[in-house]
Amino acid sequence: MVLTRKKFAMPSSERLTTVLSTKGQVILPKVIRDRRHWDSGTRLVVEDTDDGVLLKRAPLFEPTSITKVAGMLAYPGKAKSIEEMDAAVAREAKRRARH
């Protein structure tokens, strides 16, 4: 199955306009904000293209690599056995059950 990205181009009869403020701010029309689910505080990426300016929702997290993420899992001590891990989990479950 091939998934394609749905285009959100508005028909020319629905073209909306806005005004650039003296501070360089632009108000996006409510219909656009609602369609995109862009609430107040939504971070957007601004790209200058040959056709104009493109706004996209900013990613929630910075791009990273598996080596950076896996590096956070490093344990400096001696490796634990399955039995030691099972015992630690059982101790913690028992401790939480008391509270």
N, C-alpha and C. Protein backbone atom coordinates (compact mmCIF):
# COMPACT_ATOMS: atom_id res chain seq x y z
N MET A 1 0.85 -1.17 0.00
CA MET A 1 0.00 0.00 0.00
C MET A 1 0.89 1.23 0.00
N VAL A 2 0.61 2.19 -0.84
CA VAL A 2 1.39 3.42 -0.93
C VAL A 2 0.55 4.56 -0.35
N LEU A 3 1.13 5.26 0.62
CA LEU A 3 0.44 6.40 1.21
C LEU A 3 0.96 7.68 0.57
N THR A 4 0.06 8.57 0.24
CA THR A 4 0.48 9.86 -0.31
C THR A 4 0.05 10.96 0.64
N ARG A 5 0.79 12.04 0.62
CA ARG A 5 0.49 13.17 1.48
C ARG A 5 -0.66 13.97 0.88
N LYS A 6 -1.67 14.26 1.68
CA LYS A 6 -2.81 15.03 1.22
C LYS A 6 -2.40 16.50 1.04
N LYS A 7 -2.75 17.06 -0.06
CA LYS A 7 -2.45 18.47 -0.33
C LYS A 7 -3.53 19.34 0.32
N PHE A 8 -3.09 20.44 0.91
CA PHE A 8 -4.01 21.35 1.56
C PHE A 8 -4.16 22.66 0.80
N ALA A 9 -3.80 22.68 -0.48
CA ALA A 9 -3.92 23.91 -1.27
C ALA A 9 -5.37 24.35 -1.29
N MET A 10 -5.56 25.63 -1.08
CA MET A 10 -6.91 26.17 -1.08
C MET A 10 -7.30 26.58 -2.48
N PRO A 11 -8.53 26.34 -2.88
CA PRO A 11 -8.98 26.82 -4.19
C PRO A 11 -8.83 28.34 -4.27
N SER A 12 -8.62 28.85 -5.47
CA SER A 12 -8.39 30.29 -5.62
C SER A 12 -9.54 31.12 -5.08
N SER A 13 -10.75 30.57 -5.07
CA SER A 13 -11.89 31.31 -4.53
C SER A 13 -11.80 31.47 -3.01
N GLU A 14 -10.96 30.65 -2.37
CA GLU A 14 -10.81 30.70 -0.92
C GLU A 14 -9.52 31.39 -0.47
N ARG A 15 -8.80 32.03 -1.38
CA ARG A 15 -7.53 32.68 -1.03
C ARG A 15 -7.77 33.69 0.08
N LEU A 16 -6.94 33.61 1.10
CA LEU A 16 -7.05 34.52 2.23
C LEU A 16 -5.85 35.45 2.23
N THR A 17 -6.01 36.61 2.81
CA THR A 17 -4.90 37.55 2.90
C THR A 17 -4.68 37.94 4.35
N THR A 18 -3.52 38.47 4.62
CA THR A 18 -3.18 38.97 5.94
C THR A 18 -2.25 40.16 5.74
N VAL A 19 -1.93 40.84 6.81
CA VAL A 19 -1.09 42.04 6.73
C VAL A 19 0.13 41.86 7.63
N LEU A 20 1.27 42.28 7.15
CA LEU A 20 2.51 42.26 7.92
C LEU A 20 2.52 43.49 8.83
N SER A 21 2.70 43.26 10.15
CA SER A 21 2.72 44.38 11.09
C SER A 21 4.06 45.09 11.06
N THR A 22 4.14 46.23 11.74
CA THR A 22 5.40 46.97 11.80
C THR A 22 6.46 46.19 12.55
N LYS A 23 6.06 45.20 13.34
CA LYS A 23 7.00 44.35 14.06
C LYS A 23 7.36 43.09 13.26
N GLY A 24 6.85 42.98 12.04
CA GLY A 24 7.14 41.81 11.21
C GLY A 24 6.26 40.62 11.54
N GLN A 25 5.18 40.82 12.27
CA GLN A 25 4.30 39.73 12.65
C GLN A 25 3.19 39.56 11.62
N VAL A 26 2.79 38.29 11.45
CA VAL A 26 1.72 37.95 10.52
C VAL A 26 0.67 37.17 11.30
N ILE A 27 -0.59 37.52 11.14
CA ILE A 27 -1.68 36.77 11.74
C ILE A 27 -2.14 35.74 10.72
N LEU A 28 -2.08 34.47 11.10
CA LEU A 28 -2.59 33.42 10.20
C LEU A 28 -4.10 33.34 10.38
N PRO A 29 -4.85 33.28 9.30
CA PRO A 29 -6.31 33.20 9.40
C PRO A 29 -6.73 31.99 10.24
N LYS A 30 -7.80 32.17 11.01
CA LYS A 30 -8.29 31.13 11.92
C LYS A 30 -8.58 29.82 11.20
N VAL A 31 -9.15 29.89 10.00
CA VAL A 31 -9.46 28.67 9.26
C VAL A 31 -8.19 27.84 9.01
N ILE A 32 -7.08 28.50 8.74
CA ILE A 32 -5.81 27.80 8.52
C ILE A 32 -5.31 27.21 9.83
N ARG A 33 -5.33 28.03 10.90
CA ARG A 33 -4.86 27.53 12.21
C ARG A 33 -5.69 26.34 12.67
N ASP A 34 -7.00 26.41 12.49
CA ASP A 34 -7.87 25.30 12.89
C ASP A 34 -7.60 24.05 12.06
N ARG A 35 -7.47 24.21 10.75
CA ARG A 35 -7.22 23.07 9.86
C ARG A 35 -5.92 22.37 10.22
N ARG A 36 -4.91 23.14 10.59
CA ARG A 36 -3.59 22.60 10.93
C ARG A 36 -3.44 22.24 12.40
N HIS A 37 -4.44 22.57 13.20
CA HIS A 37 -4.37 22.34 14.66
C HIS A 37 -3.19 23.09 15.27
N TRP A 38 -3.02 24.34 14.84
CA TRP A 38 -1.96 25.20 15.35
C TRP A 38 -2.56 26.14 16.38
N ASP A 39 -2.39 25.79 17.63
CA ASP A 39 -2.89 26.62 18.72
C ASP A 39 -1.84 27.66 19.09
N SER A 40 -2.20 28.59 19.95
CA SER A 40 -1.27 29.60 20.43
C SER A 40 -0.06 28.91 21.03
N GLY A 41 1.12 29.36 20.67
CA GLY A 41 2.35 28.78 21.19
C GLY A 41 2.94 27.69 20.31
N THR A 42 2.25 27.30 19.25
CA THR A 42 2.78 26.28 18.34
C THR A 42 4.05 26.81 17.70
N ARG A 43 5.13 26.02 17.76
CA ARG A 43 6.40 26.42 17.15
C ARG A 43 6.38 26.02 15.68
N LEU A 44 6.77 26.95 14.83
CA LEU A 44 6.77 26.72 13.39
C LEU A 44 8.16 26.92 12.82
N VAL A 45 8.49 26.13 11.80
CA VAL A 45 9.72 26.30 11.04
C VAL A 45 9.37 27.16 9.84
N VAL A 46 10.20 28.16 9.55
CA VAL A 46 9.97 29.07 8.44
C VAL A 46 11.02 28.78 7.37
N GLU A 47 10.56 28.45 6.15
CA GLU A 47 11.48 28.18 5.04
C GLU A 47 11.20 29.15 3.91
N ASP A 48 12.26 29.77 3.41
CA ASP A 48 12.15 30.66 2.27
C ASP A 48 12.33 29.82 1.01
N THR A 49 11.30 29.77 0.16
CA THR A 49 11.35 28.97 -1.06
C THR A 49 11.21 29.89 -2.27
N ASP A 50 11.44 29.34 -3.45
CA ASP A 50 11.28 30.12 -4.68
C ASP A 50 9.83 30.60 -4.86
N ASP A 51 8.89 29.80 -4.35
CA ASP A 51 7.47 30.14 -4.50
C ASP A 51 6.93 31.03 -3.40
N GLY A 52 7.69 31.23 -2.34
CA GLY A 52 7.22 32.04 -1.22
C GLY A 52 7.78 31.52 0.09
N VAL A 53 7.05 31.77 1.15
CA VAL A 53 7.46 31.35 2.48
C VAL A 53 6.62 30.15 2.89
N LEU A 54 7.29 29.12 3.39
CA LEU A 54 6.62 27.90 3.81
C LEU A 54 6.70 27.79 5.32
N LEU A 55 5.55 27.55 5.97
CA LEU A 55 5.50 27.34 7.42
C LEU A 55 5.17 25.88 7.68
N LYS A 56 5.94 25.25 8.59
CA LYS A 56 5.69 23.86 8.98
C LYS A 56 5.82 23.77 10.48
N ARG A 57 5.06 22.87 11.07
CA ARG A 57 5.17 22.65 12.52
C ARG A 57 6.59 22.18 12.83
N ALA A 58 7.19 22.78 13.84
CA ALA A 58 8.54 22.39 14.25
C ALA A 58 8.49 21.03 14.94
N PRO A 59 9.50 20.20 14.75
CA PRO A 59 9.52 18.91 15.44
C PRO A 59 9.56 19.12 16.95
N LEU A 60 8.97 18.18 17.70
CA LEU A 60 8.97 18.29 19.15
C LEU A 60 10.37 18.12 19.73
N PHE A 61 11.19 17.30 19.07
CA PHE A 61 12.53 17.02 19.56
C PHE A 61 13.54 17.28 18.46
N GLU A 62 14.72 17.69 18.85
CA GLU A 62 15.80 17.88 17.89
C GLU A 62 16.17 16.54 17.27
N PRO A 63 16.56 16.51 16.01
CA PRO A 63 17.02 15.25 15.41
C PRO A 63 18.23 14.71 16.17
N THR A 64 18.31 13.41 16.29
CA THR A 64 19.42 12.79 17.00
C THR A 64 19.81 11.51 16.28
N SER A 65 20.82 10.85 16.79
CA SER A 65 21.26 9.59 16.19
C SER A 65 21.15 8.48 17.22
N ILE A 66 21.14 7.26 16.75
CA ILE A 66 21.04 6.11 17.66
C ILE A 66 22.25 6.04 18.59
N THR A 67 23.40 6.46 18.11
CA THR A 67 24.58 6.40 18.98
C THR A 67 24.47 7.37 20.15
N LYS A 68 23.86 8.52 19.92
CA LYS A 68 23.68 9.47 21.03
C LYS A 68 22.67 8.93 22.03
N VAL A 69 21.60 8.32 21.54
CA VAL A 69 20.57 7.79 22.43
C VAL A 69 21.09 6.57 23.17
N ALA A 70 21.72 5.64 22.47
CA ALA A 70 22.23 4.43 23.10
C ALA A 70 23.32 4.77 24.10
N GLY A 71 24.06 5.84 23.87
CA GLY A 71 25.10 6.25 24.80
C GLY A 71 24.55 6.62 26.16
N MET A 72 23.29 7.04 26.21
CA MET A 72 22.67 7.39 27.48
C MET A 72 22.38 6.15 28.32
N LEU A 73 22.40 4.98 27.70
CA LEU A 73 22.07 3.74 28.39
C LEU A 73 23.29 3.07 29.02
N ALA A 74 24.44 3.65 28.85
CA ALA A 74 25.67 3.03 29.35
C ALA A 74 25.60 2.85 30.87
N TYR A 75 26.03 1.68 31.33
CA TYR A 75 26.07 1.37 32.76
C TYR A 75 27.52 1.06 33.10
N PRO A 76 28.13 1.84 34.00
CA PRO A 76 29.56 1.68 34.27
C PRO A 76 29.91 0.46 35.13
N GLY A 77 28.93 -0.14 35.77
CA GLY A 77 29.20 -1.26 36.67
C GLY A 77 29.23 -2.60 35.96
N LYS A 78 29.40 -3.64 36.76
CA LYS A 78 29.40 -5.01 36.26
C LYS A 78 27.99 -5.37 35.78
N ALA A 79 27.90 -6.12 34.69
CA ALA A 79 26.61 -6.52 34.15
C ALA A 79 25.83 -7.35 35.16
N LYS A 80 24.52 -7.14 35.24
CA LYS A 80 23.64 -7.89 36.16
C LYS A 80 23.11 -9.12 35.45
N SER A 81 22.93 -10.16 36.22
CA SER A 81 22.34 -11.39 35.66
C SER A 81 20.82 -11.23 35.60
N ILE A 82 20.19 -12.12 34.85
CA ILE A 82 18.72 -12.11 34.76
C ILE A 82 18.12 -12.31 36.15
N GLU A 83 18.70 -13.18 36.94
CA GLU A 83 18.20 -13.45 38.29
C GLU A 83 18.29 -12.20 39.15
N GLU A 84 19.41 -11.46 39.04
CA GLU A 84 19.57 -10.23 39.83
C GLU A 84 18.55 -9.18 39.40
N MET A 85 18.32 -9.07 38.09
CA MET A 85 17.33 -8.11 37.61
C MET A 85 15.92 -8.50 38.06
N ASP A 86 15.58 -9.80 37.97
CA ASP A 86 14.26 -10.25 38.42
C ASP A 86 14.05 -9.97 39.90
N ALA A 87 15.10 -10.21 40.71
CA ALA A 87 15.01 -9.95 42.15
C ALA A 87 14.81 -8.46 42.44
N ALA A 88 15.51 -7.61 41.70
CA ALA A 88 15.38 -6.16 41.89
C ALA A 88 13.97 -5.69 41.52
N VAL A 89 13.43 -6.22 40.45
CA VAL A 89 12.07 -5.86 40.04
C VAL A 89 11.07 -6.32 41.09
N ALA A 90 11.24 -7.53 41.61
CA ALA A 90 10.33 -8.06 42.63
C ALA A 90 10.40 -7.21 43.90
N ARG A 91 11.61 -6.81 44.32
CA ARG A 91 11.76 -5.96 45.51
C ARG A 91 11.04 -4.63 45.32
N GLU A 92 11.21 -4.02 44.15
CA GLU A 92 10.57 -2.73 43.90
C GLU A 92 9.06 -2.87 43.84
N ALA A 93 8.55 -3.94 43.23
CA ALA A 93 7.10 -4.16 43.17
C ALA A 93 6.54 -4.33 44.58
N LYS A 94 7.24 -5.07 45.43
CA LYS A 94 6.81 -5.27 46.80
C LYS A 94 6.82 -3.94 47.57
N ARG A 95 7.87 -3.15 47.36
CA ARG A 95 7.98 -1.86 48.04
C ARG A 95 6.83 -0.95 47.62
N ARG A 96 6.50 -0.90 46.34
CA ARG A 96 5.42 -0.03 45.87
C ARG A 96 4.06 -0.51 46.34
N ALA A 97 3.90 -1.82 46.50
CA ALA A 97 2.62 -2.37 46.95
C ALA A 97 2.33 -1.95 48.39
N ARG A 98 3.36 -1.70 49.17
CA ARG A 98 3.17 -1.29 50.58
C ARG A 98 2.73 0.16 50.69
N HIS A 99 2.96 0.96 49.67
CA HIS A 99 2.65 2.40 49.75
C HIS A 99 1.37 2.73 49.11
